[in-house]
Amino acid sequence: MPPLDLTSSAVDLTRTICDIPSVSGEERLLADLIFDAMTALGHLEVHRDGDTIVARTHLGRAQRVVIAGHLDTVPINRNLPTRGAMIDGEPHIWGRGTVDMKAGVAVQLKLAAELVEPRVDITWMWYDHEEVDADLNGLTRLAAARPDLFAGDFAILGEPSGGQVEGGCNGNLRAIVRTHGVRSHSARSWIGENAIHKAAPVLARLAEYRAREIDVEGLVYREGLNAVRIGGGVAGNVIPDLCEVEVNYRFAPSRTVEQASDHVRDVFAGFDVEIVDRAAGARPGLDAPLAQEFVAAVGAVPRPKYGWTDVARFSAMGVPAVNYGPGDPHLAHHDEERVPVAQIEDVERGLRAWLSA
């Protein structure tokens, strides 16, 4: 691959890095190119941990901002290479990663190269394995090895937010709800107990569940509790003795992970419930002075982030954080993933103006 051309526009750079496949676990080539591009710049101190790249200014500014983005995407499904597309008369870039979140990364790479004298010191972070289990996430690994690199007064994550500011994020929890039975031949079903049939009340509770809308520091977060997978059965002539319903709970940042876990257990009281993955949410983080300056500078009206993002990691480390990036989050992971060119340009303009003021 030729080296990244950081003198090209953020729009062209978006297409370049999207056309370098980097499905989770396959980020090495893109990480190599970013590492080479950053080490060629004289104004940045560069660190590498696996396929996570950190580049920092050291200008002695009174405040430091961390700006981060992940390099990986969900699997490609006939949506690379990228192509230009006109949607409702507006130019877009179509293809995997354009929304989640290489357009945001492209803006960050260009600004990292060009902002030699920003108003604050900046730590740029580009990391691997965001789209998979939390224990594989590059930030998890980096936080354990180099927590000092996370130091900052404010953090911005380039997750797609439609070019608006989305504060904090919902928490995320996965649980397995199991029902148990007794195997038997299906010709003599009365001898056994059908575990799949016993799962009917689990599904009924989910269907009847009414999710909350919770105001947290002025932003209203919408929760959700849903079945996302169900499995059971042994063979076509065997009454099954086990059925598993995987449940996903998105909870407002006013709840702790312990409270969220207790809530799921309460909803499925009487059933075998195992919490298999959980991640705390993040409060909006908009009360920090730098956050308020940033929101005013980009002219945004803050909104809540419904999905979980790595702003929660920064929040847990005492760094208030928001999401700000191009792309409609509804199109993240979609086969028709596409980003408006105007949003890429607007986000670059907003970040550049604030960081240069």
Protein backbone atom coordinates (compact mmCIF):
# COMPACT_ATOMS: atom_id res chain seq x y z
CA MET A 1 0.00 0.00 0.00
CA PRO A 2 1.21 3.56 -0.67
CA PRO A 3 1.58 5.76 2.41
CA LEU A 4 -1.44 7.72 3.60
CA ASP A 5 -1.63 11.14 1.97
CA LEU A 6 -2.63 13.42 4.83
CA THR A 7 -2.57 16.44 2.51
CA SER A 8 -5.66 15.09 0.73
CA SER A 9 -9.11 16.22 1.82
CA ALA A 10 -10.87 14.51 4.71
CA VAL A 11 -13.44 13.30 2.18
CA ASP A 12 -10.80 11.64 -0.02
CA LEU A 13 -9.02 10.31 3.05
CA THR A 14 -12.31 8.72 4.18
CA ARG A 15 -12.49 6.73 0.96
CA THR A 16 -8.82 5.77 1.19
CA ILE A 17 -9.02 4.29 4.68
CA CYS A 18 -12.44 2.70 4.10
CA ASP A 19 -11.01 0.88 1.10
CA ILE A 20 -8.41 -0.69 3.39
CA PRO A 21 -10.43 -3.53 4.97
CA SER A 22 -10.02 -3.61 8.75
CA VAL A 23 -12.68 -5.92 10.15
CA SER A 24 -12.09 -6.53 13.86
CA GLY A 25 -8.90 -8.56 14.20
CA GLU A 26 -7.59 -7.41 10.82
CA GLU A 27 -6.57 -3.84 11.63
CA ARG A 28 -2.81 -4.35 11.23
CA LEU A 29 -2.38 -2.86 7.74
CA LEU A 30 -4.34 0.30 8.53
CA ALA A 31 -2.59 0.64 11.90
CA ASP A 32 0.79 0.30 10.16
CA LEU A 33 -0.08 3.07 7.72
CA ILE A 34 -1.29 5.40 10.47
CA PHE A 35 1.78 4.70 12.61
CA ASP A 36 4.08 5.48 9.68
CA ALA A 37 2.16 8.68 8.87
CA MET A 38 2.25 9.91 12.47
CA THR A 39 5.93 9.13 13.08
CA ALA A 40 6.77 11.17 9.99
CA LEU A 41 5.33 14.28 11.69
CA GLY A 42 7.77 16.18 13.86
CA HIS A 43 5.28 17.75 16.25
CA LEU A 44 3.82 14.53 17.70
CA GLU A 45 5.11 11.98 20.22
CA VAL A 46 3.92 8.59 18.96
CA HIS A 47 3.25 5.38 20.90
CA ARG A 48 2.04 2.02 19.65
CA ASP A 49 0.42 -0.84 21.54
CA GLY A 50 -0.54 -3.67 19.21
CA ASP A 51 -2.77 -2.02 16.62
CA THR A 52 -3.55 0.99 18.80
CA ILE A 53 -1.74 4.22 17.90
CA VAL A 54 -1.41 7.22 20.23
CA ALA A 55 0.01 10.56 19.05
CA ARG A 56 0.42 13.51 21.46
CA THR A 57 1.41 17.14 21.38
CA HIS A 58 3.56 18.50 24.21
CA LEU A 59 3.18 22.27 24.02
CA GLY A 60 2.79 23.00 27.73
CA ARG A 61 -0.83 24.07 27.33
CA ALA A 62 -2.94 24.42 30.47
CA GLN A 63 -5.45 21.83 29.26
CA ARG A 64 -5.37 18.58 27.31
CA VAL A 65 -8.09 17.07 25.12
CA VAL A 66 -8.19 13.40 24.10
CA ILE A 67 -9.69 12.72 20.65
CA ALA A 68 -10.22 9.07 19.77
CA GLY A 69 -11.59 6.77 17.11
CA HIS A 70 -11.59 3.04 16.40
CA LEU A 71 -10.07 1.51 13.28
CA ASP A 72 -12.12 -1.69 13.02
CA THR A 73 -15.41 -2.32 11.29
CA VAL A 74 -18.03 -5.04 11.37
CA PRO A 75 -17.73 -7.64 8.56
CA ILE A 76 -17.94 -6.50 4.95
CA ASN A 77 -21.05 -7.56 3.04
CA ARG A 78 -20.50 -6.62 -0.60
CA ASN A 79 -20.16 -2.97 0.43
CA LEU A 80 -16.53 -2.31 -0.48
CA PRO A 81 -14.89 -0.68 -2.33
CA THR A 82 -16.52 2.63 -1.54
CA ARG A 83 -18.31 4.64 -4.19
CA GLY A 84 -19.84 8.05 -4.51
CA ALA A 85 -23.62 8.26 -4.36
CA MET A 86 -26.23 11.00 -4.66
CA ILE A 87 -28.94 10.65 -2.00
CA ASP A 88 -31.78 13.20 -2.08
CA GLY A 89 -29.59 15.43 -4.19
CA GLU A 90 -26.69 15.40 -1.71
CA PRO A 91 -23.31 13.71 -2.30
CA HIS A 92 -22.51 10.74 -0.05
CA ILE A 93 -19.75 8.17 0.29
CA TRP A 94 -21.23 4.65 0.37
CA GLY A 95 -19.50 1.63 1.86
CA ARG A 96 -18.51 -0.29 4.97
CA GLY A 97 -16.95 1.89 7.63
CA THR A 98 -18.04 5.22 6.18
CA VAL A 99 -20.33 5.80 9.15
CA ASP A 100 -18.82 3.60 11.85
CA MET A 101 -16.40 5.27 12.01
CA LYS A 102 -13.73 5.90 9.44
CA ALA A 103 -15.10 9.26 8.31
CA GLY A 104 -14.51 10.47 11.87
CA VAL A 105 -11.05 8.89 11.89
CA ALA A 106 -10.20 10.57 8.56
CA VAL A 107 -11.05 13.98 10.01
CA GLN A 108 -8.91 13.23 13.05
CA LEU A 109 -5.92 12.08 10.98
CA LYS A 110 -6.00 15.22 8.86
CA LEU A 111 -6.26 17.53 11.87
CA ALA A 112 -3.52 15.64 13.72
CA ALA A 113 -1.20 16.34 10.79
CA GLU A 114 -2.14 19.98 10.32
CA LEU A 115 -2.76 21.37 13.83
CA VAL A 116 0.84 21.98 14.86
CA GLU A 117 -0.04 24.72 17.38
CA PRO A 118 -3.51 23.93 18.78
CA ARG A 119 -4.98 25.95 21.65
CA VAL A 120 -4.87 22.88 23.92
CA ASP A 121 -2.55 19.91 24.02
CA ILE A 122 -4.12 16.99 22.17
CA THR A 123 -3.83 13.25 22.58
CA TRP A 124 -4.99 11.46 19.43
CA MET A 125 -5.96 7.79 19.84
CA TRP A 126 -6.80 5.27 17.09
CA TYR A 127 -7.54 1.82 18.42
CA ASP A 128 -8.45 -1.73 17.47
CA HIS A 129 -11.18 -4.26 18.36
CA GLU A 130 -14.00 -1.90 19.29
CA GLU A 131 -16.70 -3.89 17.51
CA VAL A 132 -16.15 -7.09 19.53
CA ASP A 133 -16.06 -8.14 23.18
CA ALA A 134 -14.88 -5.47 25.60
CA ASP A 135 -11.93 -7.53 26.83
CA LEU A 136 -10.40 -7.40 23.33
CA ASN A 137 -10.80 -3.64 22.96
CA GLY A 138 -7.53 -1.79 22.31
CA LEU A 139 -8.44 0.80 24.93
CA THR A 140 -8.85 -1.94 27.55
CA ARG A 141 -5.33 -3.14 26.80
CA LEU A 142 -3.88 0.38 26.67
CA ALA A 143 -5.54 1.45 29.92
CA ALA A 144 -3.91 -1.49 31.70
CA ALA A 145 -0.46 -0.82 30.22
CA ARG A 146 -0.41 2.98 29.98
CA PRO A 147 -3.18 4.66 31.96
CA ASP A 148 -1.16 7.88 31.87
CA LEU A 149 -1.96 8.24 28.16
CA PHE A 150 -5.64 8.77 29.04
CA ALA A 151 -4.95 11.89 31.10
CA GLY A 152 -7.07 14.81 29.91
CA ASP A 153 -9.59 17.46 30.84
CA PHE A 154 -12.10 16.45 28.18
CA ALA A 155 -12.46 13.71 25.55
CA ILE A 156 -14.18 13.53 22.17
CA LEU A 157 -14.98 10.21 20.53
CA GLY A 158 -15.59 10.37 16.78
CA GLU A 159 -18.52 7.94 16.84
CA PRO A 160 -21.26 8.80 14.32
CA SER A 161 -23.59 11.42 15.71
CA GLY A 162 -24.94 13.07 12.57
CA GLY A 163 -22.42 15.87 13.05
CA GLN A 164 -24.07 16.79 16.35
CA VAL A 165 -22.86 16.39 19.93
CA GLU A 166 -24.17 13.32 21.75
CA GLY A 167 -23.43 13.31 25.46
CA GLY A 168 -22.51 10.21 27.42
CA CYS A 169 -24.06 6.88 26.47
CA ASN A 170 -26.38 4.14 27.66
CA GLY A 171 -24.93 1.15 29.47
CA ASN A 172 -25.02 -2.26 27.82
CA LEU A 173 -25.69 -5.67 29.37
CA ARG A 174 -26.18 -9.16 27.94
CA ALA A 175 -27.74 -12.01 29.86
CA ILE A 176 -28.63 -15.63 29.11
CA VAL A 177 -32.01 -16.74 30.46
CA ARG A 178 -32.17 -20.54 30.56
CA THR A 179 -35.04 -22.96 30.88
CA HIS A 180 -34.49 -26.62 31.70
CA GLY A 181 -36.42 -29.75 30.89
CA VAL A 182 -36.05 -33.49 30.49
CA ARG A 183 -35.08 -35.21 27.25
CA SER A 184 -37.27 -37.90 25.79
CA HIS A 185 -38.24 -39.35 22.42
CA SER A 186 -40.64 -36.99 20.69
CA ALA A 187 -42.98 -39.94 20.05
CA ARG A 188 -43.36 -40.16 23.84
CA SER A 189 -43.21 -36.49 24.64
CA TRP A 190 -45.24 -36.87 27.85
CA ILE A 191 -42.26 -38.64 29.42
CA GLY A 192 -40.04 -35.56 28.97
CA GLU A 193 -40.31 -31.86 29.72
CA ASN A 194 -39.90 -29.45 26.80
CA ALA A 195 -37.45 -26.68 27.70
CA ILE A 196 -38.36 -24.66 24.60
CA HIS A 197 -42.01 -24.58 25.63
CA LYS A 198 -40.92 -23.40 29.07
CA ALA A 199 -39.29 -20.37 27.43
CA ALA A 200 -42.71 -18.97 26.43
CA PRO A 201 -43.08 -16.97 29.69
CA VAL A 202 -39.61 -15.46 29.11
CA LEU A 203 -40.69 -14.18 25.71
CA ALA A 204 -44.00 -13.00 27.14
CA ARG A 205 -42.24 -10.91 29.78
CA LEU A 206 -40.09 -9.34 27.08
CA ALA A 207 -43.11 -8.60 24.89
CA GLU A 208 -44.92 -6.97 27.81
CA TYR A 209 -41.90 -5.01 29.04
CA ARG A 210 -42.18 -1.24 28.83
CA ALA A 211 -38.80 0.48 28.63
CA ARG A 212 -38.11 3.65 30.58
CA GLU A 213 -37.13 7.08 29.33
CA ILE A 214 -34.83 8.67 31.91
CA ASP A 215 -33.71 12.30 32.21
CA VAL A 216 -30.04 12.44 33.16
CA GLU A 217 -28.64 15.94 33.56
CA GLY A 218 -31.03 17.34 30.98
CA LEU A 219 -30.71 14.59 28.34
CA VAL A 220 -33.41 11.92 28.00
CA TYR A 221 -32.03 8.40 27.51
CA ARG A 222 -34.29 5.66 26.14
CA GLU A 223 -33.75 2.17 27.53
CA GLY A 224 -34.47 -1.16 25.87
CA LEU A 225 -34.77 -4.84 26.88
CA ASN A 226 -34.90 -7.28 24.00
CA ALA A 227 -34.30 -10.88 23.03
CA VAL A 228 -31.47 -10.99 20.50
CA ARG A 229 -30.94 -14.73 20.12
CA ILE A 230 -32.67 -17.96 21.10
CA GLY A 231 -31.39 -21.51 20.94
CA GLY A 232 -32.50 -24.97 21.92
CA GLY A 233 -33.04 -28.44 20.58
CA VAL A 234 -31.08 -31.65 20.19
CA ALA A 235 -32.49 -33.47 17.17
CA GLY A 236 -35.67 -33.67 15.15
CA ASN A 237 -37.03 -36.50 17.27
CA VAL A 238 -35.87 -35.45 20.76
CA ILE A 239 -37.70 -33.34 23.33
CA PRO A 240 -35.14 -30.64 24.28
CA ASP A 241 -33.87 -30.35 27.84
CA LEU A 242 -32.36 -26.85 27.46
CA CYS A 243 -33.37 -23.55 25.89
CA GLU A 244 -31.37 -20.32 26.08
CA VAL A 245 -32.68 -16.84 25.38
CA GLU A 246 -30.01 -14.16 25.04
CA VAL A 247 -31.27 -10.80 26.25
CA ASN A 248 -29.75 -7.37 25.63
CA TYR A 249 -30.45 -4.55 28.07
CA ARG A 250 -29.58 -0.96 27.21
CA PHE A 251 -29.84 1.08 30.39
CA ALA A 252 -29.65 4.78 31.19
CA PRO A 253 -26.40 6.06 32.72
CA SER A 254 -28.27 6.80 35.94
CA ARG A 255 -28.05 3.06 36.71
CA THR A 256 -24.87 1.27 37.75
CA VAL A 257 -24.04 -2.08 36.18
CA GLU A 258 -24.97 -3.71 39.49
CA GLN A 259 -28.39 -2.05 39.44
CA ALA A 260 -28.87 -3.03 35.81
CA SER A 261 -27.96 -6.65 36.60
CA ASP A 262 -30.40 -6.71 39.51
CA HIS A 263 -33.13 -5.28 37.29
CA VAL A 264 -32.70 -8.03 34.68
CA ARG A 265 -32.75 -10.69 37.38
CA ASP A 266 -35.95 -9.14 38.78
CA VAL A 267 -37.64 -9.14 35.37
CA PHE A 268 -36.84 -12.84 34.95
CA ALA A 269 -37.39 -13.88 38.55
CA GLY A 270 -37.85 -17.64 38.79
CA PHE A 271 -35.58 -18.38 35.83
CA ASP A 272 -31.92 -19.30 35.56
CA VAL A 273 -30.21 -15.99 34.63
CA GLU A 274 -26.51 -15.56 33.83
CA ILE A 275 -25.04 -12.11 33.17
CA VAL A 276 -22.45 -12.70 30.44
CA ASP A 277 -21.33 -9.18 29.53
CA ARG A 278 -21.91 -5.74 30.97
CA ALA A 279 -20.52 -2.24 30.50
CA ALA A 280 -21.38 0.88 32.44
CA GLY A 281 -22.86 3.87 30.68
CA ALA A 282 -21.51 7.41 30.89
CA ARG A 283 -23.18 10.54 32.14
CA PRO A 284 -23.42 13.37 29.59
CA GLY A 285 -20.17 15.07 30.65
CA LEU A 286 -21.47 18.42 29.49
CA ASP A 287 -20.88 20.24 32.76
CA ALA A 288 -17.11 20.40 32.16
CA PRO A 289 -15.99 23.91 31.13
CA LEU A 290 -14.17 22.59 28.06
CA ALA A 291 -17.28 20.65 27.04
CA GLN A 292 -19.39 23.78 27.25
CA GLU A 293 -16.86 25.72 25.19
CA PHE A 294 -16.79 22.95 22.61
CA VAL A 295 -20.58 22.73 22.28
CA ALA A 296 -20.82 26.51 21.88
CA ALA A 297 -18.00 26.58 19.32
CA VAL A 298 -19.55 23.95 17.03
CA GLY A 299 -23.06 25.36 17.48
CA ALA A 300 -24.58 22.08 18.58
CA VAL A 301 -27.65 21.22 20.63
CA PRO A 302 -26.56 18.18 22.68
CA ARG A 303 -28.48 14.92 22.42
CA PRO A 304 -28.22 11.63 24.32
CA LYS A 305 -26.27 8.69 22.89
CA TYR A 306 -28.49 5.61 23.00
CA GLY A 307 -25.82 3.08 22.04
CA TRP A 308 -22.81 2.21 24.18
CA THR A 309 -19.55 3.83 23.12
CA ASP A 310 -16.08 4.16 24.57
CA VAL A 311 -16.96 7.52 26.12
CA ALA A 312 -17.85 5.27 29.07
CA ARG A 313 -14.18 4.27 29.42
CA PHE A 314 -13.09 7.88 29.65
CA SER A 315 -15.91 8.75 32.03
CA ALA A 316 -14.88 5.87 34.32
CA MET A 317 -11.34 7.30 34.35
CA GLY A 318 -12.61 10.72 35.40
CA VAL A 319 -12.47 12.34 31.95
CA PRO A 320 -15.81 13.83 30.77
CA ALA A 321 -16.48 12.71 27.20
CA VAL A 322 -18.88 13.24 24.32
CA ASN A 323 -19.51 11.72 20.89
CA TYR A 324 -19.00 13.94 17.84
CA GLY A 325 -18.60 12.55 14.35
CA PRO A 326 -20.11 12.44 10.86
CA GLY A 327 -22.66 9.81 9.87
CA ASP A 328 -26.15 8.74 10.85
CA PRO A 329 -25.83 6.20 13.69
CA HIS A 330 -28.92 4.41 12.31
CA LEU A 331 -26.77 3.41 9.32
CA ALA A 332 -23.90 2.03 11.39
CA HIS A 333 -23.40 -1.68 10.48
CA HIS A 334 -26.09 -1.33 7.78
CA ASP A 335 -25.44 -2.86 4.37
CA GLU A 336 -26.31 0.55 2.90
CA GLU A 337 -23.88 2.36 5.20
CA ARG A 338 -23.15 5.81 3.78
CA VAL A 339 -22.07 9.23 5.04
CA PRO A 340 -22.96 12.68 3.69
CA VAL A 341 -19.93 14.53 2.36
CA ALA A 342 -21.25 17.73 3.98
CA GLN A 343 -21.14 16.15 7.44
CA ILE A 344 -17.49 15.17 7.05
CA GLU A 345 -16.67 18.74 6.07
CA ASP A 346 -18.80 20.22 8.86
CA VAL A 347 -17.18 18.07 11.56
CA GLU A 348 -13.72 18.93 10.29
CA ARG A 349 -14.62 22.62 10.23
CA GLY A 350 -16.09 22.50 13.75
CA LEU A 351 -13.14 20.67 15.32
CA ARG A 352 -10.58 22.78 13.47
CA ALA A 353 -12.20 26.05 14.54
CA TRP A 354 -12.44 25.02 18.20
CA LEU A 355 -8.96 23.57 18.44
CA SER A 356 -7.43 26.54 16.64
CA ALA A 357 -9.27 29.34 18.46
